[in-house]
C-alpha cells in the first residue's frame, strides 16, 4: 500500500483526524499543543497520528495535502488546514459550524 493510499484510509476511517508532532497526550511542538488544547476545550473525539514516529507519513502527508506544515486537520475526509487556520476558524465560529455540519 502506498503512503497516499494509507493516508486516504486513515482520513476515511475517522471523522476527525489530526496529523501532529507527538500525540494528544504529549504534543511535541507548540503548534500541535495549541490544537490539542483547543480540542480539549471543545471536548472533541479525534484520531491523532504522530508524524515524528513515521518518516514516510511525515513527508507523505505534506504531499497529500499540498501543505508544508504540521499539524494538519481533516474533518470528514476534508483537509481543513494547519494551526493558524484552525485557530482563526475557532475564533470566528467556523470550526464549530464545520464540525457540527459534518457530524
C-alpha atoms as a PDB file:
ATOM      1  CA  UNK A   1       0.000   0.000   0.000  1.00  0.00           C
ATOM      2  CA  UNK A   2       1.408   3.408  -0.944  1.00  0.00           C
ATOM      3  CA  UNK A   3       1.663   6.211   1.607  1.00  0.00           C
ATOM      4  CA  UNK A   4      -1.044   8.099  -0.309  1.00  0.00           C
ATOM      5  CA  UNK A   5      -3.395   5.096  -0.009  1.00  0.00           C
ATOM      6  CA  UNK A   6      -2.544   4.740   3.675  1.00  0.00           C
ATOM      7  CA  UNK A   7      -3.338   8.403   4.361  1.00  0.00           C
ATOM      8  CA  UNK A   8      -6.596   8.166   2.416  1.00  0.00           C
ATOM      9  CA  UNK A   9      -7.561   5.140   4.503  1.00  0.00           C
ATOM     10  CA  UNK A  10      -6.669   6.980   7.737  1.00  0.00           C
ATOM     11  CA  UNK A  11      -8.738  10.064   6.939  1.00  0.00           C
ATOM     12  CA  UNK A  12     -11.621   7.894   5.770  1.00  0.00           C
ATOM     13  CA  UNK A  13     -11.608   5.770   8.936  1.00  0.00           C
ATOM     14  CA  UNK A  14     -12.224   8.564  11.463  1.00  0.00           C
ATOM     15  CA  UNK A  15     -14.386  11.684  11.278  1.00  0.00           C
ATOM     16  CA  UNK A  16     -11.722  13.968  12.795  1.00  0.00           C
ATOM     17  CA  UNK A  17      -8.045  13.246  12.127  1.00  0.00           C
ATOM     18  CA  UNK A  18      -5.092  15.307  13.325  1.00  0.00           C
ATOM     19  CA  UNK A  19      -1.583  14.746  11.993  1.00  0.00           C
ATOM     20  CA  UNK A  20       0.726  16.210  14.583  1.00  0.00           C
ATOM     21  CA  UNK A  21       4.141  16.187  16.196  1.00  0.00           C
ATOM     22  CA  UNK A  22       3.759  13.973  19.246  1.00  0.00           C
ATOM     23  CA  UNK A  23       0.350  12.723  20.302  1.00  0.00           C
ATOM     24  CA  UNK A  24      -2.721  14.100  22.042  1.00  0.00           C
ATOM     25  CA  UNK A  25      -1.328  13.020  25.406  1.00  0.00           C
ATOM     26  CA  UNK A  26       2.122  14.504  24.782  1.00  0.00           C
ATOM     27  CA  UNK A  27       2.284  17.074  21.967  1.00  0.00           C
ATOM     28  CA  UNK A  28       5.877  17.722  20.917  1.00  0.00           C
ATOM     29  CA  UNK A  29       5.610  21.190  19.379  1.00  0.00           C
ATOM     30  CA  UNK A  30       3.829  24.379  20.318  1.00  0.00           C
ATOM     31  CA  UNK A  31       1.519  24.395  17.303  1.00  0.00           C
ATOM     32  CA  UNK A  32       0.380  20.818  17.896  1.00  0.00           C
ATOM     33  CA  UNK A  33      -0.095  21.644  21.596  1.00  0.00           C
ATOM     34  CA  UNK A  34      -2.296  24.640  20.705  1.00  0.00           C
ATOM     35  CA  UNK A  35      -4.599  22.471  18.623  1.00  0.00           C
ATOM     36  CA  UNK A  36      -4.703  19.694  21.247  1.00  0.00           C
ATOM     37  CA  UNK A  37      -5.595  22.244  23.947  1.00  0.00           C
ATOM     38  CA  UNK A  38      -8.358  23.680  21.776  1.00  0.00           C
ATOM     39  CA  UNK A  39      -9.738  20.204  21.098  1.00  0.00           C
ATOM     40  CA  UNK A  40      -9.716  19.507  24.861  1.00  0.00           C
ATOM     41  CA  UNK A  41     -11.742  22.687  25.429  1.00  0.00           C
ATOM     42  CA  UNK A  42     -14.187  21.598  22.725  1.00  0.00           C
ATOM     43  CA  UNK A  43     -14.241  18.042  24.129  1.00  0.00           C
ATOM     44  CA  UNK A  44     -13.578  16.621  20.659  1.00  0.00           C
ATOM     45  CA  UNK A  45     -13.054  12.958  19.990  1.00  0.00           C
ATOM     46  CA  UNK A  46     -10.403  12.634  17.293  1.00  0.00           C
ATOM     47  CA  UNK A  47      -7.736  10.320  15.953  1.00  0.00           C
ATOM     48  CA  UNK A  48      -4.155  11.545  16.154  1.00  0.00           C
ATOM     49  CA  UNK A  49      -1.149  10.412  14.134  1.00  0.00           C
ATOM     50  CA  UNK A  50       2.369  11.205  15.325  1.00  0.00           C
ATOM     51  CA  UNK A  51       4.370  12.111  12.229  1.00  0.00           C
ATOM     52  CA  UNK A  52       7.612  12.053  14.245  1.00  0.00           C
ATOM     53  CA  UNK A  53       7.367   8.264  14.542  1.00  0.00           C
ATOM     54  CA  UNK A  54       6.973   7.669  10.811  1.00  0.00           C
ATOM     55  CA  UNK A  55       9.183   9.486   8.293  1.00  0.00           C
ATOM     56  CA  UNK A  56       7.152   8.202   5.343  1.00  0.00           C
ATOM     57  CA  UNK A  57       3.967   9.613   6.901  1.00  0.00           C
ATOM     58  CA  UNK A  58       5.731  12.866   7.806  1.00  0.00           C
ATOM     59  CA  UNK A  59       6.676  13.531   4.191  1.00  0.00           C
ATOM     60  CA  UNK A  60       3.634  11.844   2.664  1.00  0.00           C
ATOM     61  CA  UNK A  61       1.053  13.965   4.478  1.00  0.00           C
ATOM     62  CA  UNK A  62       2.692  17.164   3.237  1.00  0.00           C
ATOM     63  CA  UNK A  63       2.477  15.932  -0.355  1.00  0.00           C
ATOM     64  CA  UNK A  64      -1.047  14.544   0.128  1.00  0.00           C
ATOM     65  CA  UNK A  65      -2.451  17.874   1.317  1.00  0.00           C
ATOM     66  CA  UNK A  66      -0.008  20.090  -0.599  1.00  0.00           C
ATOM     67  CA  UNK A  67       0.500  21.822   2.757  1.00  0.00           C
ATOM     68  CA  UNK A  68       4.057  22.173   4.122  1.00  0.00           C
ATOM     69  CA  UNK A  69       3.454  22.360   7.881  1.00  0.00           C
ATOM     70  CA  UNK A  70       2.228  20.199  10.746  1.00  0.00           C
ATOM     71  CA  UNK A  71      -0.283  19.915  12.412  1.00  0.00           C
ATOM     72  CA  UNK A  72      -2.870  19.179   9.749  1.00  0.00           C
ATOM     73  CA  UNK A  73      -6.547  18.665  10.431  1.00  0.00           C
ATOM     74  CA  UNK A  74      -9.017  16.602   8.397  1.00  0.00           C
ATOM     75  CA  UNK A  75     -12.742  16.538   9.110  1.00  0.00           C
ATOM     76  CA  UNK A  76     -14.927  14.010   7.306  1.00  0.00           C
ATOM     77  CA  UNK A  77     -12.103  13.425   4.827  1.00  0.00           C
ATOM     78  CA  UNK A  78     -11.724  17.126   4.024  1.00  0.00           C
ATOM     79  CA  UNK A  79      -8.439  18.943   4.655  1.00  0.00           C
ATOM     80  CA  UNK A  80      -9.120  21.920   6.924  1.00  0.00           C
ATOM     81  CA  UNK A  81      -5.646  23.392   7.474  1.00  0.00           C
ATOM     82  CA  UNK A  82      -2.910  23.930   9.997  1.00  0.00           C
ATOM     83  CA  UNK A  83      -2.740  25.552  13.410  1.00  0.00           C
ATOM     84  CA  UNK A  84      -3.316  29.177  12.328  1.00  0.00           C
ATOM     85  CA  UNK A  85      -6.309  28.282  10.175  1.00  0.00           C
ATOM     86  CA  UNK A  86      -7.782  26.071  12.909  1.00  0.00           C
ATOM     87  CA  UNK A  87      -7.406  28.857  15.500  1.00  0.00           C
ATOM     88  CA  UNK A  88      -8.833  31.506  13.152  1.00  0.00           C
ATOM     89  CA  UNK A  89     -11.782  29.257  12.322  1.00  0.00           C
ATOM     90  CA  UNK A  90     -12.401  28.662  16.033  1.00  0.00           C
ATOM     91  CA  UNK A  91     -12.345  32.391  16.812  1.00  0.00           C
ATOM     92  CA  UNK A  92     -14.840  33.123  14.034  1.00  0.00           C
ATOM     93  CA  UNK A  93     -17.067  30.156  14.955  1.00  0.00           C
ATOM     94  CA  UNK A  94     -16.452  28.489  11.576  1.00  0.00           C
ATOM     95  CA  UNK A  95     -14.684  25.482  13.105  1.00  0.00           C
ATOM     96  CA  UNK A  96     -17.586  24.551  15.335  1.00  0.00           C
ATOM     97  CA  UNK A  97     -20.001  25.089  12.417  1.00  0.00           C
ATOM     98  CA  UNK A  98     -17.928  22.793  10.203  1.00  0.00           C
ATOM     99  CA  UNK A  99     -17.669  20.148  12.925  1.00  0.00           C
ATOM    100  CA  UNK A 100     -21.394  20.160  13.581  1.00  0.00           C
ATOM    101  CA  UNK A 101     -22.330  20.180   9.879  1.00  0.00           C
ATOM    102  CA  UNK A 102     -20.109  17.179   9.223  1.00  0.00           C
ATOM    103  CA  UNK A 103     -21.375  15.015  12.061  1.00  0.00           C
END
